[in-house]
């Protein structure tokens, strides 16, 4: 199958990044963007990301070979129903939602001539919207496909080829297994991260010492709590059975730890931390996962005038984009006092080289 025209429904972070990544594929000649925000559409059109735009699903998609549905999870099924009124026969429809089971089940009940293949790029950001989209978002990230019984093998292969071309790594998983896996490594951590933040907020006194003294480690483990609450409400509700099962296991483990802590069971407590370390140390650091990685470094510097400015100048002159820079006053788990947040993995690696070449001690987080 030759793909020349692609439509994208929802031009937020994922949809916008897909459009920018697909724009680099020479064989795809036309990209159609659909979004309710006219300003976003006009901006994407002005930037050359899109060729045609529409504020709703209509006949503009009639010649599309593939349609990516990049809406929030609670709107995916309705979007596919609307697309069914306009798309051509054997058009491939795929989504980017982080829940698959219910979506696949409902879409399979539709009477349509399209081919649906569930999709889920395992990448993203705490920030949302077209303005933070970027064409390299999918590079080295796993991109899951969840074919159903009615998905044609040729459609899966076409999507795999596009996924590879945008720099991602295709993985084929059954939709039910997918929801359990993502429930454990994405949805559950967001619930726990929010619980940690809410617990500290509840225990913090009027002096706000906990907030003031929260170190880099606490901020790192709770960083994902800054994600969109509306989006995460929808996700955990859609995957509530799996999340509930995982939370049961978590509560059981925490209760066991609490009981052993009260009994001063040093052997159990040691094994608790040791087993976590051993399993965590087996994780690959080469690929991007569901939760966006930190692109932070710390730099060991002396407290003297102009030092921060010199570092900012070195990185700026090397065309390295700094997202944030600050002195870490509470750094129990950090080796350097200056913490720098960068845009991506490439920028992080380059920043390390530049600063080390200028005799700074740099530590990756």
Protein backbone atom coordinates (compact mmCIF):
# COMPACT_ATOMS: atom_id res chain seq x y z
CA UNK A 1 0.00 0.00 0.00
CA UNK A 2 1.32 3.41 -0.98
CA UNK A 3 0.64 6.15 1.56
CA UNK A 4 0.40 9.65 0.08
CA UNK A 5 -2.18 11.39 2.27
CA UNK A 6 -2.36 11.36 6.06
CA UNK A 7 -4.95 13.03 8.29
CA UNK A 8 -4.42 13.82 11.97
CA UNK A 9 -7.35 14.44 14.30
CA UNK A 10 -6.20 16.48 17.29
CA UNK A 11 -3.20 18.78 16.88
CA UNK A 12 -1.89 18.80 20.44
CA UNK A 13 1.51 17.55 21.62
CA UNK A 14 1.21 14.08 20.06
CA UNK A 15 -0.76 15.08 16.95
CA UNK A 16 1.45 18.10 16.30
CA UNK A 17 4.63 16.07 16.81
CA UNK A 18 3.32 13.35 14.48
CA UNK A 19 2.60 15.94 11.79
CA UNK A 20 6.11 17.38 12.14
CA UNK A 21 7.71 13.93 12.05
CA UNK A 22 5.62 12.68 9.10
CA UNK A 23 6.40 15.90 7.22
CA UNK A 24 9.95 14.58 6.82
CA UNK A 25 8.80 11.44 4.97
CA UNK A 26 9.21 12.25 1.23
CA UNK A 27 6.59 9.79 -0.02
CA UNK A 28 3.79 11.42 2.00
CA UNK A 29 2.66 14.42 0.00
CA UNK A 30 -0.36 15.73 1.95
CA UNK A 31 -1.01 16.12 5.67
CA UNK A 32 -4.48 17.18 6.81
CA UNK A 33 -4.93 18.59 10.32
CA UNK A 34 -8.23 18.59 12.20
CA UNK A 35 -8.67 20.48 15.45
CA UNK A 36 -11.29 22.69 17.07
CA UNK A 37 -8.67 25.39 17.75
CA UNK A 38 -8.42 27.55 14.65
CA UNK A 39 -5.33 29.35 15.97
CA UNK A 40 -3.45 26.06 16.26
CA UNK A 41 -4.46 25.04 12.73
CA UNK A 42 -3.40 28.36 11.26
CA UNK A 43 -0.07 28.22 13.09
CA UNK A 44 0.62 24.69 11.82
CA UNK A 45 -0.37 25.77 8.31
CA UNK A 46 1.92 28.81 8.51
CA UNK A 47 4.83 26.65 9.68
CA UNK A 48 4.35 24.30 6.75
CA UNK A 49 3.46 21.39 9.03
CA UNK A 50 0.02 20.97 7.42
CA UNK A 51 -1.25 21.24 3.86
CA UNK A 52 -4.97 21.42 4.60
CA UNK A 53 -6.97 22.13 7.75
CA UNK A 54 -10.47 21.68 9.12
CA UNK A 55 -12.12 22.46 12.44
CA UNK A 56 -14.18 19.28 12.32
CA UNK A 57 -14.17 15.81 10.81
CA UNK A 58 -15.62 16.21 7.33
CA UNK A 59 -15.02 15.39 3.67
CA UNK A 60 -11.48 16.78 3.92
CA UNK A 61 -10.42 13.26 5.03
CA UNK A 62 -12.08 11.47 2.11
CA UNK A 63 -8.78 10.77 0.32
CA UNK A 64 -6.74 9.96 3.40
CA UNK A 65 -4.82 6.68 3.34
CA UNK A 66 -4.22 6.79 7.10
CA UNK A 67 -5.94 8.76 9.85
CA UNK A 68 -4.25 9.20 13.23
CA UNK A 69 -6.74 9.97 16.00
CA UNK A 70 -4.78 11.94 18.61
CA UNK A 71 -7.64 13.16 20.79
CA UNK A 72 -8.04 12.54 24.55
CA UNK A 73 -8.99 8.91 25.28
CA UNK A 74 -12.62 9.75 26.07
CA UNK A 75 -13.11 11.23 22.58
CA UNK A 76 -11.41 8.57 20.44
CA UNK A 77 -14.43 6.33 19.86
CA UNK A 78 -16.69 9.21 18.77
CA UNK A 79 -13.96 10.51 16.47
CA UNK A 80 -13.75 7.12 14.74
CA UNK A 81 -17.56 7.00 14.43
CA UNK A 82 -17.50 10.40 12.72
CA UNK A 83 -14.63 9.40 10.45
CA UNK A 84 -16.63 6.39 9.32
CA UNK A 85 -18.99 8.77 7.50
CA UNK A 86 -16.27 10.29 5.30
CA UNK A 87 -13.26 8.03 4.78
CA UNK A 88 -12.65 5.82 1.77
CA UNK A 89 -12.75 2.04 1.80
CA UNK A 90 -9.76 0.31 3.45
CA UNK A 91 -8.52 3.56 5.00
CA UNK A 92 -6.32 2.75 7.99
CA UNK A 93 -7.43 4.36 11.25
CA UNK A 94 -5.15 4.27 14.26
CA UNK A 95 -5.26 6.10 17.57
CA UNK A 96 -2.63 7.24 20.07
CA UNK A 97 -4.52 6.65 23.30
CA UNK A 98 -2.90 5.05 26.33
CA UNK A 99 -5.93 2.75 26.85
CA UNK A 100 -6.65 0.09 24.28
CA UNK A 101 -9.07 -2.62 25.46
CA UNK A 102 -12.30 -0.62 25.63
CA UNK A 103 -11.44 1.39 22.52
CA UNK A 104 -10.74 -1.69 20.40
CA UNK A 105 -13.90 -3.40 21.70
CA UNK A 106 -16.18 -0.46 20.84
CA UNK A 107 -14.64 0.27 17.45
CA UNK A 108 -14.89 -3.35 16.35
CA UNK A 109 -18.67 -3.08 16.79
CA UNK A 110 -18.88 -0.35 14.12
CA UNK A 111 -19.93 -1.30 10.64
CA UNK A 112 -17.30 0.29 8.48
CA UNK A 113 -14.98 -0.46 5.59
CA UNK A 114 -11.96 0.99 7.36
CA UNK A 115 -9.14 -0.98 9.02
CA UNK A 116 -8.47 -0.13 12.66
CA UNK A 117 -5.14 -0.77 14.39
CA UNK A 118 -4.73 0.49 17.94
CA UNK A 119 -1.63 2.56 18.58
CA UNK A 120 0.17 4.08 21.53
CA UNK A 121 3.44 6.03 21.25
CA UNK A 122 5.26 5.67 24.56
CA UNK A 123 6.43 9.23 24.84
CA UNK A 124 5.10 12.60 25.85
CA UNK A 125 5.65 15.46 28.23
CA UNK A 126 4.16 17.07 31.31
CA UNK A 127 3.41 19.99 28.97
CA UNK A 128 0.63 19.77 26.40
CA UNK A 129 -0.39 21.61 23.24
CA UNK A 130 0.85 22.15 19.71
CA UNK A 131 3.30 24.82 20.85
CA UNK A 132 5.41 22.21 22.67
CA UNK A 133 5.21 19.62 19.87
CA UNK A 134 8.44 18.57 18.19
CA UNK A 135 9.29 16.35 15.26
CA UNK A 136 11.89 14.30 17.14
CA UNK A 137 9.53 13.40 20.00
CA UNK A 138 9.27 9.77 18.86
CA UNK A 139 12.96 9.10 18.25
CA UNK A 140 14.09 5.96 20.12
CA UNK A 141 10.68 5.70 21.79
CA UNK A 142 8.64 2.51 21.78
CA UNK A 143 5.48 2.82 19.68
CA UNK A 144 2.98 0.09 20.55
CA UNK A 145 0.53 -1.32 18.03
CA UNK A 146 -2.40 -3.43 19.25
CA UNK A 147 -4.00 -5.13 16.23
CA UNK A 148 -7.42 -6.67 16.70
CA UNK A 149 -8.72 -9.86 15.12
CA UNK A 150 -10.00 -7.79 12.19
CA UNK A 151 -6.82 -5.76 11.60
CA UNK A 152 -5.28 -6.58 8.25
CA UNK A 153 -1.64 -7.64 8.30
CA UNK A 154 -0.83 -5.22 5.47
CA UNK A 155 -2.18 -2.30 7.55
CA UNK A 156 0.00 -3.28 10.50
CA UNK A 157 3.07 -3.46 8.25
CA UNK A 158 2.33 -0.03 6.75
CA UNK A 159 2.09 1.50 10.22
CA UNK A 160 5.28 -0.26 11.31
CA UNK A 161 7.12 1.27 8.35
CA UNK A 162 5.91 4.78 9.22
CA UNK A 163 6.80 4.28 12.88
CA UNK A 164 10.33 3.30 11.88
CA UNK A 165 10.59 6.29 9.55
CA UNK A 166 9.75 8.75 12.35
CA UNK A 167 12.51 7.19 14.44
CA UNK A 168 10.39 5.12 16.83
CA UNK A 169 10.54 1.42 17.68
CA UNK A 170 7.37 -0.57 16.83
CA UNK A 171 6.17 -3.19 19.33
CA UNK A 172 3.14 -5.45 18.77
CA UNK A 173 1.12 -6.28 21.92
CA UNK A 174 -2.36 -7.68 22.57
CA UNK A 175 -4.69 -4.86 23.67
CA UNK A 176 -5.57 -6.44 27.03
CA UNK A 177 -1.95 -7.10 27.87
CA UNK A 178 -1.16 -3.54 26.83
CA UNK A 179 -3.60 -2.10 29.36
CA UNK A 180 -2.11 -4.12 32.21
CA UNK A 181 1.44 -3.17 31.25
CA UNK A 182 0.74 0.55 30.85
CA UNK A 183 -1.39 0.46 33.98
CA UNK A 184 1.65 -0.75 35.92
CA UNK A 185 4.37 1.43 34.41
CA UNK A 186 2.43 4.62 33.69
CA UNK A 187 -1.03 4.96 35.22
CA UNK A 188 -0.09 3.49 38.63
CA UNK A 189 3.03 5.71 39.01
CA UNK A 190 0.89 8.80 38.37
CA UNK A 191 -1.51 7.74 41.12
CA UNK A 192 1.36 7.08 43.54
CA UNK A 193 3.18 10.30 42.63
CA UNK A 194 0.03 12.31 43.36
CA UNK A 195 -0.40 10.39 46.64
CA UNK A 196 3.14 11.29 47.72
CA UNK A 197 2.62 14.98 46.94
CA UNK A 198 -0.79 15.04 48.64
CA UNK A 199 0.64 13.29 51.72
CA UNK A 200 3.48 15.79 52.09
CA UNK A 201 1.05 18.66 51.52
CA UNK A 202 -1.18 17.29 54.28
CA UNK A 203 1.72 16.86 56.74
CA UNK A 204 3.48 20.14 56.00
CA UNK A 205 3.10 22.78 58.71
CA UNK A 206 2.44 26.49 58.39
CA UNK A 207 6.19 27.09 58.05
CA UNK A 208 6.16 24.98 54.84
CA UNK A 209 9.51 23.38 55.68
CA UNK A 210 8.69 20.26 53.65
CA UNK A 211 8.05 22.29 50.52
CA UNK A 212 11.06 24.50 51.16
CA UNK A 213 13.50 21.66 51.82
CA UNK A 214 12.22 19.22 49.19
CA UNK A 215 15.36 18.07 47.41
CA UNK A 216 16.01 17.07 43.83
CA UNK A 217 15.17 13.44 44.62
CA UNK A 218 11.70 14.31 45.90
CA UNK A 219 11.07 16.58 42.95
CA UNK A 220 12.22 13.88 40.50
CA UNK A 221 9.99 11.16 41.91
CA UNK A 222 6.96 13.47 41.93
CA UNK A 223 7.65 15.35 38.70
CA UNK A 224 4.82 13.58 36.85
CA UNK A 225 2.31 15.04 39.31
CA UNK A 226 2.55 18.23 37.25
CA UNK A 227 0.76 16.46 34.38
CA UNK A 228 -2.71 17.40 33.15
CA UNK A 229 -5.23 16.31 35.84
CA UNK A 230 -8.18 16.13 33.40
CA UNK A 231 -6.25 13.80 31.12
CA UNK A 232 -5.20 11.51 33.97
CA UNK A 233 -8.70 11.42 35.42
CA UNK A 234 -9.96 10.07 32.09
CA UNK A 235 -7.10 7.57 31.74
CA UNK A 236 -7.39 5.94 35.16
CA UNK A 237 -11.18 5.71 34.91
CA UNK A 238 -10.93 4.01 31.50
CA UNK A 239 -8.36 1.55 32.90
CA UNK A 240 -9.83 1.27 36.40
CA UNK A 241 -9.90 -2.54 36.61
CA UNK A 242 -6.18 -2.87 35.93
CA UNK A 243 -5.26 0.14 38.08
CA UNK A 244 -7.36 -1.24 40.93
CA UNK A 245 -5.67 -4.65 40.70
CA UNK A 246 -2.22 -3.02 40.73
CA UNK A 247 -3.14 -0.80 43.67
CA UNK A 248 -4.25 -3.88 45.63
CA UNK A 249 -0.77 -5.37 45.18
CA UNK A 250 0.82 -2.06 46.13
CA UNK A 251 -1.26 -1.65 49.28
CA UNK A 252 -0.41 -5.22 50.29
CA UNK A 253 3.31 -4.55 49.84
CA UNK A 254 3.18 -1.25 51.75
CA UNK A 255 1.25 -2.90 54.58
CA UNK A 256 3.87 -5.67 54.78
CA UNK A 257 6.66 -3.08 54.87
CA UNK A 258 4.85 -1.09 57.57
CA UNK A 259 4.38 -4.19 59.74
CA UNK A 260 8.03 -5.17 59.38
CA UNK A 261 9.12 -1.61 60.13
CA UNK A 262 7.18 -1.67 63.40
CA UNK A 263 8.81 -5.04 64.27
CA UNK A 264 12.30 -3.74 63.38
CA UNK A 265 12.62 -6.59 60.88
CA UNK A 266 15.94 -5.48 59.44
CA UNK A 267 16.30 -8.47 57.09
CA UNK A 268 12.98 -7.76 55.38
CA UNK A 269 13.66 -4.03 55.13
CA UNK A 270 17.09 -4.70 53.59
CA UNK A 271 15.63 -7.15 51.07
CA UNK A 272 12.86 -4.67 50.28
CA UNK A 273 15.38 -2.04 49.16
CA UNK A 274 17.85 -4.56 47.70
CA UNK A 275 15.31 -6.27 45.43
CA UNK A 276 14.10 -2.89 44.18
CA UNK A 277 17.67 -1.84 43.40
CA UNK A 278 18.48 -5.09 41.59
CA UNK A 279 15.36 -4.93 39.42
CA UNK A 280 15.72 -1.20 38.74
CA UNK A 281 19.36 -1.65 37.69
CA UNK A 282 18.28 -4.04 34.92
CA UNK A 283 16.29 -1.32 33.15
CA UNK A 284 17.66 -0.16 29.82
CA UNK A 285 18.64 3.49 29.64
CA UNK A 286 18.83 3.58 25.85
CA UNK A 287 15.15 3.86 24.94
CA UNK A 288 12.48 6.36 25.87
CA UNK A 289 9.62 4.92 27.91
CA UNK A 290 6.08 5.94 28.76
CA UNK A 291 7.12 8.53 31.32
CA UNK A 292 9.29 11.19 29.75
CA UNK A 293 12.89 10.96 30.98
CA UNK A 294 14.65 13.70 32.87
CA UNK A 295 17.11 15.63 30.76
CA UNK A 296 18.77 17.23 33.76
CA UNK A 297 22.39 17.57 34.81
CA UNK A 298 24.08 19.03 37.87
CA UNK A 299 27.33 20.97 37.70
CA UNK A 300 29.83 21.39 40.49
CA UNK A 301 30.68 25.11 40.60
CA UNK A 302 32.23 27.56 43.01
CA UNK A 303 30.23 30.43 44.47
CA UNK A 304 31.79 33.36 42.63
CA UNK A 305 30.49 36.21 40.43
CA UNK A 306 29.76 35.39 36.80
CA UNK A 307 29.99 31.60 37.12
CA UNK A 308 26.36 30.86 36.20
CA UNK A 309 26.51 33.40 33.39
CA UNK A 310 29.65 31.75 32.01
CA UNK A 311 27.99 28.34 31.92
CA UNK A 312 24.85 29.75 30.27
CA UNK A 313 27.04 31.46 27.65
CA UNK A 314 29.02 28.27 26.95
CA UNK A 315 25.83 26.32 26.34
CA UNK A 316 24.17 29.11 24.38
CA UNK A 317 27.18 29.53 22.10
CA UNK A 318 26.98 25.79 21.40
CA UNK A 319 23.32 26.16 20.38
CA UNK A 320 22.10 24.14 23.38
CA UNK A 321 18.61 25.07 24.58
CA UNK A 322 18.31 25.50 28.37
CA UNK A 323 14.80 24.94 29.71
CA UNK A 324 15.62 25.84 33.31
CA UNK A 325 18.65 26.62 35.46
CA UNK A 326 18.80 27.04 39.21
CA UNK A 327 20.98 26.64 42.28
CA UNK A 328 19.89 23.61 44.30
CA UNK A 329 19.93 24.56 47.97
CA UNK A 330 18.74 21.16 49.17
CA UNK A 331 20.86 18.50 47.45
CA UNK A 332 21.17 15.38 49.58
CA UNK A 333 21.02 13.19 46.46
CA UNK A 334 22.86 15.49 44.06
CA UNK A 335 26.58 15.90 43.51
CA UNK A 336 26.52 19.36 41.97
CA UNK A 337 24.90 22.55 43.18
CA UNK A 338 23.83 23.98 39.79
CA UNK A 339 20.94 22.08 38.23
CA UNK A 340 20.28 22.54 34.51
CA UNK A 341 17.22 21.19 32.65
CA UNK A 342 17.64 20.65 28.90
CA UNK A 343 15.23 19.96 26.05
CA UNK A 344 16.25 16.47 24.97
CA UNK A 345 18.75 13.64 25.25
CA UNK A 346 20.95 15.02 22.46
CA UNK A 347 21.16 18.41 24.15
CA UNK A 348 22.00 16.76 27.46
CA UNK A 349 24.86 14.75 25.97
CA UNK A 350 26.22 17.80 24.15
CA UNK A 351 26.00 19.97 27.28
CA UNK A 352 28.01 17.41 29.23
CA UNK A 353 30.75 17.40 26.58
CA UNK A 354 30.90 21.19 26.35
CA UNK A 355 31.10 21.72 30.11
CA UNK A 356 33.58 18.89 30.66
CA UNK A 357 35.79 20.31 27.90
CA UNK A 358 35.81 23.53 29.93
CA UNK A 359 36.91 21.62 33.07
CA UNK A 360 33.59 21.53 34.90
CA UNK A 361 32.52 18.41 36.78
CA UNK A 362 29.15 17.34 35.38
CA UNK A 363 26.77 14.69 36.71
CA UNK A 364 23.78 13.21 34.88
CA UNK A 365 20.60 12.77 36.89
